[in-house]
N, C-alpha and C. Protein backbone atom coordinates (compact mmCIF):
# COMPACT_ATOMS: atom_id res chain seq x y z
N MET A 1 -10.66 -1.17 -9.64
CA MET A 1 -9.66 -0.28 -9.10
C MET A 1 -9.78 -0.31 -7.59
N ASN A 2 -8.64 -0.28 -6.93
CA ASN A 2 -8.59 -0.26 -5.48
C ASN A 2 -7.53 0.74 -5.06
N ILE A 3 -7.92 1.67 -4.19
CA ILE A 3 -6.98 2.66 -3.65
C ILE A 3 -7.07 2.56 -2.14
N SER A 4 -5.92 2.49 -1.49
CA SER A 4 -5.91 2.45 -0.04
C SER A 4 -4.68 3.15 0.49
N SER A 5 -4.74 3.50 1.77
CA SER A 5 -3.57 4.10 2.40
C SER A 5 -3.35 3.42 3.74
N ALA A 6 -2.10 3.47 4.18
CA ALA A 6 -1.73 2.80 5.43
C ALA A 6 -0.63 3.58 6.13
N ILE A 7 -0.58 3.39 7.44
CA ILE A 7 0.52 3.91 8.24
C ILE A 7 1.37 2.71 8.62
N LEU A 8 2.65 2.81 8.33
CA LEU A 8 3.60 1.75 8.68
C LEU A 8 4.47 2.24 9.82
N HIS A 9 4.73 1.36 10.77
CA HIS A 9 5.69 1.64 11.84
C HIS A 9 6.91 0.79 11.54
N ILE A 10 8.05 1.47 11.40
CA ILE A 10 9.28 0.82 10.99
C ILE A 10 10.37 1.11 12.03
N ALA A 11 11.20 0.13 12.29
CA ALA A 11 12.33 0.34 13.20
C ALA A 11 13.18 1.48 12.66
N PRO A 12 13.40 2.54 13.44
CA PRO A 12 14.13 3.72 12.93
C PRO A 12 15.47 3.40 12.28
N GLY A 13 16.18 2.42 12.79
CA GLY A 13 17.47 2.06 12.22
C GLY A 13 17.37 1.34 10.88
N ARG A 14 16.15 0.99 10.47
CA ARG A 14 15.97 0.25 9.22
C ARG A 14 15.13 1.02 8.21
N LEU A 15 14.97 2.33 8.43
CA LEU A 15 14.14 3.15 7.53
C LEU A 15 14.65 3.11 6.08
N ALA A 16 15.93 3.27 5.89
CA ALA A 16 16.48 3.30 4.53
C ALA A 16 16.24 1.96 3.82
N GLU A 17 16.45 0.89 4.54
CA GLU A 17 16.25 -0.46 3.98
C GLU A 17 14.77 -0.68 3.63
N ALA A 18 13.88 -0.27 4.53
CA ALA A 18 12.44 -0.42 4.29
C ALA A 18 12.00 0.46 3.12
N ARG A 19 12.48 1.70 3.07
CA ARG A 19 12.12 2.61 1.98
C ARG A 19 12.51 2.02 0.63
N GLU A 20 13.71 1.46 0.56
CA GLU A 20 14.18 0.86 -0.68
C GLU A 20 13.26 -0.30 -1.11
N ALA A 21 12.88 -1.14 -0.17
CA ALA A 21 11.99 -2.27 -0.47
C ALA A 21 10.60 -1.78 -0.88
N LEU A 22 10.10 -0.75 -0.20
CA LEU A 22 8.77 -0.21 -0.53
C LEU A 22 8.73 0.36 -1.94
N LEU A 23 9.76 1.06 -2.33
CA LEU A 23 9.78 1.70 -3.64
C LEU A 23 9.84 0.69 -4.79
N LYS A 24 10.16 -0.56 -4.48
CA LYS A 24 10.18 -1.61 -5.50
C LYS A 24 8.78 -2.17 -5.78
N LEU A 25 7.81 -1.87 -4.90
CA LEU A 25 6.46 -2.37 -5.07
C LEU A 25 5.70 -1.50 -6.07
N SER A 26 5.13 -2.12 -7.08
CA SER A 26 4.38 -1.34 -8.08
C SER A 26 3.10 -0.79 -7.45
N GLY A 27 2.73 0.40 -7.85
CA GLY A 27 1.51 1.02 -7.37
C GLY A 27 1.58 1.57 -5.96
N LEU A 28 2.77 1.67 -5.38
CA LEU A 28 2.92 2.19 -4.02
C LEU A 28 3.67 3.51 -4.05
N GLU A 29 3.16 4.48 -3.31
CA GLU A 29 3.83 5.78 -3.16
C GLU A 29 3.98 6.08 -1.69
N ILE A 30 5.13 6.60 -1.31
CA ILE A 30 5.36 7.05 0.06
C ILE A 30 5.00 8.54 0.10
N HIS A 31 4.07 8.89 1.00
CA HIS A 31 3.61 10.28 1.07
C HIS A 31 4.18 11.04 2.26
N ALA A 32 4.59 10.34 3.30
CA ALA A 32 5.17 11.02 4.47
C ALA A 32 6.04 10.03 5.22
N GLU A 33 7.01 10.59 5.94
CA GLU A 33 7.94 9.75 6.70
C GLU A 33 8.50 10.57 7.85
N THR A 34 8.64 9.93 9.01
CA THR A 34 9.26 10.61 10.15
C THR A 34 10.53 9.87 10.54
N PRO A 35 11.48 10.57 11.18
CA PRO A 35 12.71 9.92 11.63
C PRO A 35 12.45 8.84 12.69
N GLU A 36 11.29 8.92 13.35
CA GLU A 36 10.94 7.93 14.38
C GLU A 36 10.45 6.62 13.79
N GLY A 37 10.21 6.57 12.48
CA GLY A 37 9.84 5.32 11.84
C GLY A 37 8.41 5.18 11.39
N LYS A 38 7.68 6.28 11.29
CA LYS A 38 6.31 6.19 10.76
C LYS A 38 6.32 6.61 9.30
N MET A 39 5.58 5.86 8.47
CA MET A 39 5.44 6.19 7.05
C MET A 39 3.97 6.12 6.66
N VAL A 40 3.57 7.03 5.81
CA VAL A 40 2.24 6.99 5.21
C VAL A 40 2.42 6.59 3.76
N VAL A 41 1.75 5.51 3.35
CA VAL A 41 1.85 5.04 1.98
C VAL A 41 0.47 4.96 1.36
N VAL A 42 0.42 5.09 0.04
CA VAL A 42 -0.80 4.91 -0.73
C VAL A 42 -0.54 3.80 -1.73
N LEU A 43 -1.49 2.88 -1.83
CA LEU A 43 -1.39 1.77 -2.77
C LEU A 43 -2.54 1.84 -3.76
N GLU A 44 -2.24 1.61 -5.02
CA GLU A 44 -3.27 1.56 -6.05
C GLU A 44 -3.11 0.25 -6.81
N ASP A 45 -4.22 -0.48 -6.94
CA ASP A 45 -4.22 -1.78 -7.61
C ASP A 45 -5.45 -1.91 -8.50
N ASP A 46 -5.40 -2.94 -9.34
CA ASP A 46 -6.53 -3.21 -10.23
C ASP A 46 -7.67 -3.93 -9.52
N ASP A 47 -7.35 -4.72 -8.50
CA ASP A 47 -8.40 -5.48 -7.83
C ASP A 47 -8.08 -5.67 -6.35
N LEU A 48 -9.08 -6.13 -5.60
CA LEU A 48 -8.93 -6.30 -4.15
C LEU A 48 -7.94 -7.40 -3.80
N GLU A 49 -7.91 -8.47 -4.58
CA GLU A 49 -7.00 -9.57 -4.27
C GLU A 49 -5.54 -9.12 -4.36
N SER A 50 -5.22 -8.36 -5.40
CA SER A 50 -3.87 -7.85 -5.56
C SER A 50 -3.51 -6.91 -4.41
N ALA A 51 -4.46 -6.08 -4.02
CA ALA A 51 -4.23 -5.16 -2.90
C ALA A 51 -3.99 -5.93 -1.61
N ALA A 52 -4.77 -6.96 -1.38
CA ALA A 52 -4.62 -7.77 -0.17
C ALA A 52 -3.24 -8.43 -0.14
N ASN A 53 -2.79 -8.90 -1.28
CA ASN A 53 -1.46 -9.51 -1.36
C ASN A 53 -0.36 -8.51 -1.03
N LYS A 54 -0.55 -7.25 -1.46
CA LYS A 54 0.45 -6.22 -1.15
C LYS A 54 0.51 -5.96 0.35
N TYR A 55 -0.65 -5.98 1.01
CA TYR A 55 -0.65 -5.76 2.46
C TYR A 55 0.08 -6.90 3.18
N VAL A 56 -0.06 -8.11 2.70
CA VAL A 56 0.68 -9.23 3.26
C VAL A 56 2.17 -9.00 3.06
N THR A 57 2.55 -8.53 1.87
CA THR A 57 3.95 -8.24 1.56
C THR A 57 4.50 -7.15 2.48
N LEU A 58 3.71 -6.10 2.73
CA LEU A 58 4.16 -5.01 3.60
C LEU A 58 4.56 -5.52 4.98
N HIS A 59 3.79 -6.45 5.52
CA HIS A 59 4.09 -6.99 6.86
C HIS A 59 5.43 -7.73 6.90
N GLY A 60 5.89 -8.23 5.75
CA GLY A 60 7.13 -8.99 5.72
C GLY A 60 8.36 -8.20 5.32
N LEU A 61 8.22 -6.91 5.08
CA LEU A 61 9.37 -6.10 4.65
C LEU A 61 10.32 -5.84 5.81
N PRO A 62 11.60 -5.62 5.50
CA PRO A 62 12.61 -5.42 6.55
C PRO A 62 12.28 -4.24 7.46
N GLY A 63 12.28 -4.50 8.76
CA GLY A 63 12.09 -3.44 9.73
C GLY A 63 10.65 -3.04 10.00
N VAL A 64 9.69 -3.55 9.24
CA VAL A 64 8.28 -3.17 9.42
C VAL A 64 7.73 -3.89 10.65
N ALA A 65 7.31 -3.10 11.64
CA ALA A 65 6.76 -3.65 12.87
C ALA A 65 5.24 -3.77 12.80
N SER A 66 4.58 -2.82 12.11
CA SER A 66 3.12 -2.89 11.99
C SER A 66 2.65 -2.12 10.76
N VAL A 67 1.47 -2.52 10.28
CA VAL A 67 0.83 -1.89 9.13
C VAL A 67 -0.63 -1.68 9.51
N ALA A 68 -1.10 -0.44 9.41
CA ALA A 68 -2.49 -0.14 9.75
C ALA A 68 -3.15 0.57 8.57
N MET A 69 -4.12 -0.10 7.94
CA MET A 69 -4.86 0.53 6.85
C MET A 69 -5.75 1.63 7.44
N VAL A 70 -5.72 2.82 6.82
CA VAL A 70 -6.53 3.92 7.32
C VAL A 70 -7.59 4.38 6.32
N TYR A 71 -7.48 3.93 5.07
CA TYR A 71 -8.46 4.31 4.06
C TYR A 71 -8.47 3.24 2.98
N GLN A 72 -9.67 2.95 2.44
CA GLN A 72 -9.77 2.00 1.34
C GLN A 72 -10.98 2.35 0.48
N TYR A 73 -10.77 2.35 -0.83
CA TYR A 73 -11.85 2.59 -1.79
C TYR A 73 -11.69 1.58 -2.91
N SER A 74 -12.79 0.96 -3.32
CA SER A 74 -12.72 0.06 -4.47
C SER A 74 -13.93 0.30 -5.36
N ASP A 75 -13.71 0.08 -6.64
CA ASP A 75 -14.74 0.29 -7.64
C ASP A 75 -14.44 -0.65 -8.80
N ASP A 76 -15.43 -1.34 -9.29
CA ASP A 76 -15.23 -2.25 -10.42
C ASP A 76 -15.65 -1.54 -11.69
N GLU A 77 -14.74 -0.77 -12.25
CA GLU A 77 -15.05 0.02 -13.46
C GLU A 77 -15.37 -0.86 -14.65
N SER A 78 -14.75 -2.04 -14.75
CA SER A 78 -14.97 -2.89 -15.91
C SER A 78 -16.41 -3.39 -15.96
N VAL A 79 -17.05 -3.66 -14.81
CA VAL A 79 -18.44 -4.10 -14.79
C VAL A 79 -19.34 -3.00 -15.28
N GLU A 80 -19.11 -1.78 -14.83
CA GLU A 80 -19.94 -0.65 -15.25
C GLU A 80 -19.81 -0.43 -16.76
N THR A 81 -18.62 -0.55 -17.30
CA THR A 81 -18.41 -0.36 -18.73
C THR A 81 -19.15 -1.43 -19.53
N GLU A 82 -19.08 -2.70 -19.09
CA GLU A 82 -19.76 -3.78 -19.79
C GLU A 82 -21.26 -3.59 -19.76
N GLU A 83 -21.80 -3.15 -18.64
CA GLU A 83 -23.25 -2.96 -18.53
C GLU A 83 -23.73 -1.85 -19.47
N VAL A 84 -22.97 -0.80 -19.61
CA VAL A 84 -23.34 0.31 -20.48
C VAL A 84 -23.32 -0.13 -21.93
N GLN A 85 -22.34 -0.96 -22.30
CA GLN A 85 -22.22 -1.41 -23.69
C GLN A 85 -23.28 -2.45 -24.04
N ALA A 86 -23.82 -3.17 -23.09
CA ALA A 86 -24.76 -4.26 -23.36
C ALA A 86 -26.10 -3.80 -23.84
């Protein structure tokens, strides 16, 4: 499991377009947004590779000028479960 949050800076005139694209990404929630173009998003994924790919995707979305990760947590629950069962 991987949970992270980021602040996105988006061109104010493209907020609606960016919001629409963001909401199509699985495991992503928009938690805050300003008219000036800042958004706080939270991403939840099964693994770090998938999360990393989403961050690459965020940089390419319409109107997104920058993406800054502000929090990240990862835990491999499947390994812990296998060790307990062994």
